[in-house]
Amino acid sequence: MQTDDARWLAAAAARAERARPLSRPNPAVAALVVRNGIVVGRGWTQPGGRPHAEAIALAQAGEAARGATLYVTLEPCAHRSERGPACADLAVQAGLVRVVAGMEDPDPRTAGQGLARIRAAGIEALCADDAPCAQSLAGYSRAKTTGVPEVTLKLALTSDGFVARLDGSSKWITGEAARAHAHRERARADAILVGGGTFRADNPRLDVRLPGLEERSPLRLLLTRGEAPPGWTAIREPGQISSLGLQYLFVEGGAATGEAFLAAGLVHRLLLYRSPTRFGVGIAAFREPGPSGAPAGWRLADRRQLGSDSLEVYYPEGNERA
């Protein structure tokens, strides 16, 4: 890799956020065309999955792409589609001198073939195995290789570890800043899930109420043995999420639902919005919390203040994501 490759890939990974989750069923990818240290083209996957990021960036660059480097968070696709050309072919036709991909595409239709096709045309092409790019595509990678989406469990809890009082009342434990951050996380998910208890107690809307992001409100799932109301999809058990074609699932649905997903090994990131409020007694967030207040076996990766509340981000021990 050259000196600036990591910097440009990190910039592309940050831009890929604009594509998520509207790019589904395709991954949220971003691309930059850089010539002499100047960005001459930029793009990200459009709603519904097309056009791809590379197609937009190369079209924007036009003739300026000749002699330039294409930075893209995911290997350019090698397969042709009725919806658009293969991005590896577009890269060859553009007159680039280098292509740097953040990670190889796990889709077997590409899986190294995109970069190989570009190299066969005499263009330098490499896979950087870049951590920010891999993290930006974590849901896509997991879904493509395992069939299971990247699952985030979110809980709002008191400083003494309760999500509700014994009578089930708990509405808005946290303040406005924490709730706004949670809505931002909703906007990054394909679907959001609650359990039957939360649904009956709160009748939640589960939409995104941040100005400009309303269109990113996710699909609504209900964990229940019964029927789902109009506008909702019922699933009977956590393992059923593998049949829904999701990349990112946001689970908000209370202690029992969280425990069910944790017990099934289907939580990959944990967000705890912790209020300074104390209940003394109530419904505990976790059946067996560790010393940090999170379940045993989870590592604190980040902590930040959100008004009077705090956000704690956990990953399973052994997961090296920051």
Protein backbone atom coordinates (compact mmCIF):
# COMPACT_ATOMS: atom_id res chain seq x y z
CA MET A 1 0.00 0.00 0.00
CA GLN A 2 1.05 3.57 -0.59
CA THR A 3 1.25 6.15 2.17
CA ASP A 4 -2.15 7.76 1.59
CA ASP A 5 -4.14 4.60 0.81
CA ALA A 6 -5.40 4.10 4.36
CA ARG A 7 -6.50 7.73 4.59
CA TRP A 8 -8.49 7.60 1.37
CA LEU A 9 -10.07 4.28 2.29
CA ALA A 10 -11.10 5.67 5.68
CA ALA A 11 -12.69 8.64 3.89
CA ALA A 12 -14.57 6.26 1.61
CA ALA A 13 -15.74 4.15 4.57
CA ALA A 14 -17.12 7.28 6.26
CA ARG A 15 -18.96 8.25 3.08
CA ALA A 16 -20.48 4.77 2.81
CA GLU A 17 -22.68 5.68 5.80
CA ARG A 18 -24.80 7.70 3.37
CA ALA A 19 -25.85 4.51 1.61
CA ARG A 20 -26.98 2.60 4.67
CA PRO A 21 -29.59 1.14 4.91
CA LEU A 22 -31.30 2.31 1.70
CA SER A 23 -28.86 0.34 -0.48
CA ARG A 24 -30.37 -2.98 0.59
CA PRO A 25 -30.32 -5.67 -0.65
CA ASN A 26 -26.91 -4.52 -1.90
CA PRO A 27 -24.07 -3.52 0.46
CA ALA A 28 -23.51 0.12 1.41
CA VAL A 29 -20.34 0.88 -0.58
CA ALA A 30 -18.54 4.16 -1.31
CA ALA A 31 -15.88 5.03 -3.87
CA LEU A 32 -13.48 7.91 -4.46
CA VAL A 33 -11.53 8.68 -7.63
CA VAL A 34 -8.31 10.48 -6.68
CA ARG A 35 -5.86 12.09 -9.09
CA ASN A 36 -2.76 13.94 -7.91
CA GLY A 37 -4.14 14.07 -4.38
CA ILE A 38 -7.46 15.60 -5.45
CA VAL A 39 -10.84 13.87 -5.38
CA VAL A 40 -12.28 14.09 -8.90
CA GLY A 41 -15.19 11.68 -8.40
CA ARG A 42 -17.18 10.31 -5.49
CA GLY A 43 -20.16 8.03 -5.14
CA TRP A 44 -22.05 5.66 -2.88
CA THR A 45 -24.57 2.89 -3.54
CA GLN A 46 -27.95 4.34 -4.36
CA PRO A 47 -31.33 3.33 -2.87
CA GLY A 48 -32.35 -0.12 -4.00
CA GLY A 49 -28.74 -1.05 -4.76
CA ARG A 50 -28.12 0.67 -8.10
CA PRO A 51 -26.21 2.49 -9.46
CA HIS A 52 -23.17 1.16 -7.64
CA ALA A 53 -20.72 3.49 -5.94
CA GLU A 54 -17.97 2.97 -8.55
CA ALA A 55 -20.31 3.71 -11.45
CA ILE A 56 -21.29 7.04 -9.93
CA ALA A 57 -17.74 8.06 -8.96
CA LEU A 58 -16.28 7.17 -12.36
CA ALA A 59 -19.09 8.93 -14.24
CA GLN A 60 -18.54 12.04 -12.14
CA ALA A 61 -14.79 11.95 -12.79
CA GLY A 62 -15.16 11.47 -16.53
CA GLU A 63 -11.87 12.02 -18.38
CA ALA A 64 -10.20 13.01 -15.11
CA ALA A 65 -10.29 9.30 -14.16
CA ARG A 66 -7.51 8.59 -16.65
CA GLY A 67 -4.31 8.14 -14.68
CA ALA A 68 -6.20 8.26 -11.37
CA THR A 69 -6.67 5.82 -8.48
CA LEU A 70 -10.04 4.37 -7.54
CA TYR A 71 -10.53 3.78 -3.82
CA VAL A 72 -13.55 1.63 -3.04
CA THR A 73 -14.62 0.07 0.25
CA LEU A 74 -15.53 -3.26 -1.39
CA GLU A 75 -13.97 -5.08 -4.34
CA PRO A 76 -15.61 -3.99 -7.64
CA CYS A 77 -18.20 -6.54 -8.72
CA ALA A 78 -17.33 -8.94 -11.53
CA HIS A 79 -20.80 -10.17 -12.45
CA ARG A 80 -23.01 -8.52 -15.02
CA SER A 81 -26.61 -7.70 -14.17
CA GLU A 82 -29.72 -6.54 -15.99
CA ARG A 83 -29.62 -3.57 -13.60
CA GLY A 84 -26.14 -2.38 -14.60
CA PRO A 85 -22.66 -3.28 -15.81
CA ALA A 86 -19.94 -4.98 -13.78
CA CYS A 87 -17.92 -2.35 -11.92
CA ALA A 88 -14.66 -4.20 -12.70
CA ASP A 89 -15.36 -3.57 -16.38
CA LEU A 90 -16.12 0.09 -15.73
CA ALA A 91 -12.80 0.43 -13.88
CA VAL A 92 -10.94 -1.05 -16.86
CA GLN A 93 -12.69 1.24 -19.32
CA ALA A 94 -12.03 4.38 -17.27
CA GLY A 95 -8.27 4.47 -17.83
CA LEU A 96 -7.32 4.16 -14.16
CA VAL A 97 -3.78 3.31 -13.11
CA ARG A 98 -4.64 1.84 -9.72
CA VAL A 99 -7.59 0.33 -7.89
CA VAL A 100 -7.47 -0.10 -4.12
CA ALA A 101 -10.31 -2.06 -2.51
CA GLY A 102 -10.87 -2.05 1.23
CA MET A 103 -11.89 -5.70 1.34
CA GLU A 104 -12.57 -8.63 -0.95
CA ASP A 105 -16.20 -9.30 -1.80
CA PRO A 106 -17.49 -12.48 -0.07
CA ASP A 107 -20.12 -12.85 -2.80
CA PRO A 108 -18.97 -15.92 -4.80
CA ARG A 109 -19.97 -14.17 -8.03
CA THR A 110 -17.03 -11.79 -7.43
CA ALA A 111 -14.79 -13.11 -4.58
CA GLY A 112 -11.47 -11.95 -6.01
CA GLN A 113 -12.54 -12.06 -9.64
CA GLY A 114 -13.18 -8.32 -9.83
CA LEU A 115 -9.63 -7.40 -8.85
CA ALA A 116 -8.24 -10.21 -11.03
CA ARG A 117 -10.07 -8.85 -14.08
CA ILE A 118 -8.68 -5.39 -13.44
CA ARG A 119 -5.12 -6.76 -13.08
CA ALA A 120 -5.54 -8.74 -16.30
CA ALA A 121 -6.11 -5.41 -18.06
CA GLY A 122 -2.69 -4.18 -16.85
CA ILE A 123 -4.00 -2.02 -14.01
CA GLU A 124 -2.52 -2.28 -10.52
CA ALA A 125 -5.24 -3.65 -8.24
CA LEU A 126 -4.91 -4.60 -4.61
CA CYS A 127 -7.03 -5.53 -1.61
CA ALA A 128 -5.96 -3.55 1.45
CA ASP A 129 -7.78 -5.63 4.10
CA ASP A 130 -8.70 -2.29 5.65
CA ALA A 131 -10.32 -2.35 9.10
CA PRO A 132 -12.59 0.73 8.70
CA CYS A 133 -13.91 -0.62 5.40
CA ALA A 134 -14.51 -4.06 6.90
CA GLN A 135 -16.36 -2.50 9.84
CA SER A 136 -18.52 -0.40 7.51
CA LEU A 137 -19.53 -3.60 5.71
CA ALA A 138 -19.86 -5.84 8.78
CA GLY A 139 -23.54 -6.56 8.24
CA TYR A 140 -23.12 -7.37 4.58
CA SER A 141 -20.15 -9.65 5.24
CA ARG A 142 -21.89 -11.51 8.06
CA ALA A 143 -25.12 -11.94 6.13
CA LYS A 144 -23.31 -13.11 3.00
CA THR A 145 -21.12 -15.65 4.82
CA THR A 146 -23.46 -16.89 7.57
CA GLY A 147 -26.97 -15.87 6.54
CA VAL A 148 -27.37 -13.96 9.83
CA PRO A 149 -27.46 -10.13 9.96
CA GLU A 150 -25.28 -8.03 12.23
CA VAL A 151 -27.44 -7.70 15.36
CA THR A 152 -27.23 -4.76 17.74
CA LEU A 153 -29.02 -5.03 21.07
CA LYS A 154 -29.97 -1.65 22.53
CA LEU A 155 -31.18 -1.18 26.08
CA ALA A 156 -31.91 1.95 28.10
CA LEU A 157 -31.26 1.30 31.77
CA THR A 158 -30.81 3.01 35.08
CA SER A 159 -27.47 3.42 36.81
CA ASP A 160 -28.36 0.43 39.00
CA GLY A 161 -29.13 -1.81 36.02
CA PHE A 162 -32.92 -1.79 35.60
CA VAL A 163 -34.87 -1.31 32.36
CA ALA A 164 -38.26 -0.84 34.03
CA ARG A 165 -40.01 -0.70 37.36
CA LEU A 166 -41.61 -3.88 38.66
CA ASP A 167 -44.98 -2.82 37.23
CA GLY A 168 -43.36 -2.54 33.78
CA SER A 169 -43.43 1.26 33.58
CA SER A 170 -40.23 2.71 32.19
CA LYS A 171 -40.98 5.18 29.43
CA TRP A 172 -38.04 7.44 28.60
CA ILE A 173 -35.51 6.47 31.22
CA THR A 174 -32.98 8.50 29.24
CA GLY A 175 -33.03 12.10 28.04
CA GLU A 176 -33.36 13.74 24.64
CA ALA A 177 -29.71 13.43 23.57
CA ALA A 178 -29.65 9.69 24.22
CA ARG A 179 -32.98 9.20 22.46
CA ALA A 180 -31.76 11.16 19.43
CA HIS A 181 -28.66 8.96 19.26
CA ALA A 182 -30.86 5.85 19.39
CA HIS A 183 -32.90 7.22 16.47
CA ARG A 184 -29.68 7.69 14.54
CA GLU A 185 -28.91 4.01 15.18
CA ARG A 186 -32.41 3.08 14.00
CA ALA A 187 -31.71 4.94 10.76
CA ARG A 188 -28.71 2.68 10.12
CA ALA A 189 -30.67 -0.58 10.43
CA ASP A 190 -32.67 -2.58 7.91
CA ALA A 191 -35.13 -3.67 10.57
CA ILE A 192 -35.95 -3.05 14.22
CA LEU A 193 -37.39 -5.64 16.59
CA VAL A 194 -39.27 -5.62 19.89
CA GLY A 195 -40.92 -8.35 21.92
CA GLY A 196 -44.58 -8.77 22.68
CA GLY A 197 -44.28 -7.31 26.18
CA THR A 198 -42.74 -4.07 24.92
CA PHE A 199 -45.30 -3.88 22.13
CA ARG A 200 -48.25 -4.27 24.50
CA ALA A 201 -46.85 -1.90 27.14
CA ASP A 202 -45.57 0.89 24.91
CA ASN A 203 -47.31 0.52 21.52
CA PRO A 204 -44.04 1.79 19.96
CA ARG A 205 -43.84 3.51 16.58
CA LEU A 206 -40.24 2.36 15.94
CA ASP A 207 -39.73 5.02 13.29
CA VAL A 208 -36.91 7.53 12.84
CA ARG A 209 -37.85 10.97 14.09
CA LEU A 210 -34.74 12.92 13.14
CA PRO A 211 -35.18 15.74 10.58
CA GLY A 212 -34.07 14.56 7.15
CA LEU A 213 -33.82 10.88 8.11
CA GLU A 214 -37.49 9.97 8.30
CA GLU A 215 -37.27 7.95 5.06
CA ARG A 216 -34.77 5.64 6.75
CA SER A 217 -37.30 4.25 9.20
CA PRO A 218 -36.62 0.49 9.32
CA LEU A 219 -38.90 -2.48 8.86
CA ARG A 220 -40.74 -3.38 12.07
CA LEU A 221 -40.46 -6.89 13.52
CA LEU A 222 -42.34 -8.39 16.46
CA LEU A 223 -41.05 -11.40 18.40
CA THR A 224 -44.29 -13.20 19.20
CA ARG A 225 -46.05 -16.54 19.04
CA GLY A 226 -49.15 -14.75 17.82
CA GLU A 227 -49.99 -12.59 14.83
CA ALA A 228 -48.39 -9.25 14.00
CA PRO A 229 -50.57 -6.17 13.43
CA PRO A 230 -50.65 -4.47 10.03
CA GLY A 231 -47.30 -2.90 9.16
CA TRP A 232 -45.37 -5.40 11.28
CA THR A 233 -43.74 -8.76 10.58
CA ALA A 234 -43.96 -11.52 13.20
CA ILE A 235 -41.08 -13.84 13.97
CA ARG A 236 -41.51 -16.70 16.42
CA GLU A 237 -37.90 -17.13 17.56
CA PRO A 238 -34.59 -15.26 17.24
CA GLY A 239 -33.12 -17.77 14.78
CA GLN A 240 -35.81 -16.87 12.24
CA ILE A 241 -33.96 -13.64 11.43
CA SER A 242 -31.74 -15.64 9.07
CA SER A 243 -34.68 -16.04 6.68
CA LEU A 244 -35.43 -12.34 6.28
CA GLY A 245 -32.57 -11.19 4.02
CA LEU A 246 -31.37 -8.52 6.47
CA GLN A 247 -27.89 -7.06 6.87
CA TYR A 248 -28.44 -5.01 10.04
CA LEU A 249 -31.00 -5.69 12.77
CA PHE A 250 -31.59 -3.37 15.73
CA VAL A 251 -33.17 -5.09 18.73
CA GLU A 252 -34.86 -2.73 21.17
CA GLY A 253 -37.38 -5.00 22.77
CA GLY A 254 -36.84 -5.17 26.52
CA ALA A 255 -35.00 -7.49 28.89
CA ALA A 256 -36.72 -10.74 27.92
CA THR A 257 -36.19 -10.22 24.21
CA GLY A 258 -32.58 -9.17 24.78
CA GLU A 259 -32.00 -12.28 26.89
CA ALA A 260 -33.47 -14.48 24.15
CA PHE A 261 -31.11 -13.07 21.53
CA LEU A 262 -28.10 -13.25 23.86
CA ALA A 263 -28.89 -16.85 24.77
CA ALA A 264 -29.12 -17.72 21.07
CA GLY A 265 -25.68 -16.16 20.43
CA LEU A 266 -27.26 -13.69 18.04
CA VAL A 267 -26.00 -10.37 19.43
CA HIS A 268 -22.87 -8.89 17.88
CA ARG A 269 -22.90 -5.40 19.38
CA LEU A 270 -24.39 -4.10 22.60
CA LEU A 271 -25.48 -0.48 23.16
CA LEU A 272 -26.31 0.49 26.73
CA TYR A 273 -27.82 3.94 27.23
CA ARG A 274 -27.32 4.43 30.95
CA SER A 275 -29.28 7.05 32.92
CA PRO A 276 -28.13 8.50 36.25
CA THR A 277 -31.58 7.56 37.60
CA ARG A 278 -31.81 4.79 40.20
CA PHE A 279 -34.84 2.53 40.73
CA GLY A 280 -33.55 0.44 43.64
CA VAL A 281 -35.73 -2.46 42.54
CA GLY A 282 -37.17 -3.28 39.14
CA ILE A 283 -36.79 -5.45 36.05
CA ALA A 284 -33.08 -6.13 35.55
CA ALA A 285 -31.49 -5.54 32.17
CA PHE A 286 -29.54 -8.80 32.38
CA ARG A 287 -30.08 -12.00 34.30
CA GLU A 288 -26.38 -12.36 35.21
CA PRO A 289 -24.53 -9.05 34.68
CA GLY A 290 -20.75 -8.90 34.94
CA PRO A 291 -18.81 -6.33 37.00
CA SER A 292 -19.34 -3.65 34.33
CA GLY A 293 -23.10 -4.13 34.34
CA ALA A 294 -23.00 -5.79 30.91
CA PRO A 295 -23.25 -9.57 30.48
CA ALA A 296 -20.13 -11.59 31.24
CA GLY A 297 -17.93 -12.09 28.19
CA TRP A 298 -18.50 -8.64 26.75
CA ARG A 299 -15.76 -6.01 26.34
CA LEU A 300 -16.31 -2.26 26.69
CA ALA A 301 -15.10 -0.66 23.44
CA ASP A 302 -16.37 2.91 23.79
CA ARG A 303 -18.06 5.18 26.28
CA ARG A 304 -19.37 8.68 25.67
CA GLN A 305 -21.55 11.22 27.38
CA LEU A 306 -24.96 12.08 25.91
CA GLY A 307 -26.32 14.92 27.98
CA SER A 308 -26.83 13.60 31.50
CA ASP A 309 -26.77 10.00 30.22
CA SER A 310 -23.92 7.86 28.95
CA LEU A 311 -23.60 5.44 26.05
CA GLU A 312 -21.54 2.28 26.50
CA VAL A 313 -20.63 0.19 23.44
CA TYR A 314 -19.67 -3.45 23.96
CA TYR A 315 -18.42 -6.23 21.70
CA PRO A 316 -17.93 -9.90 22.56
CA GLU A 317 -14.52 -10.64 24.02
CA GLY A 318 -12.20 -11.68 21.22
CA ASN A 319 -13.83 -9.29 18.76
CA GLU A 320 -11.13 -6.76 17.89
CA ARG A 321 -13.33 -3.94 16.66
CA ALA A 322 -12.63 -0.68 18.46
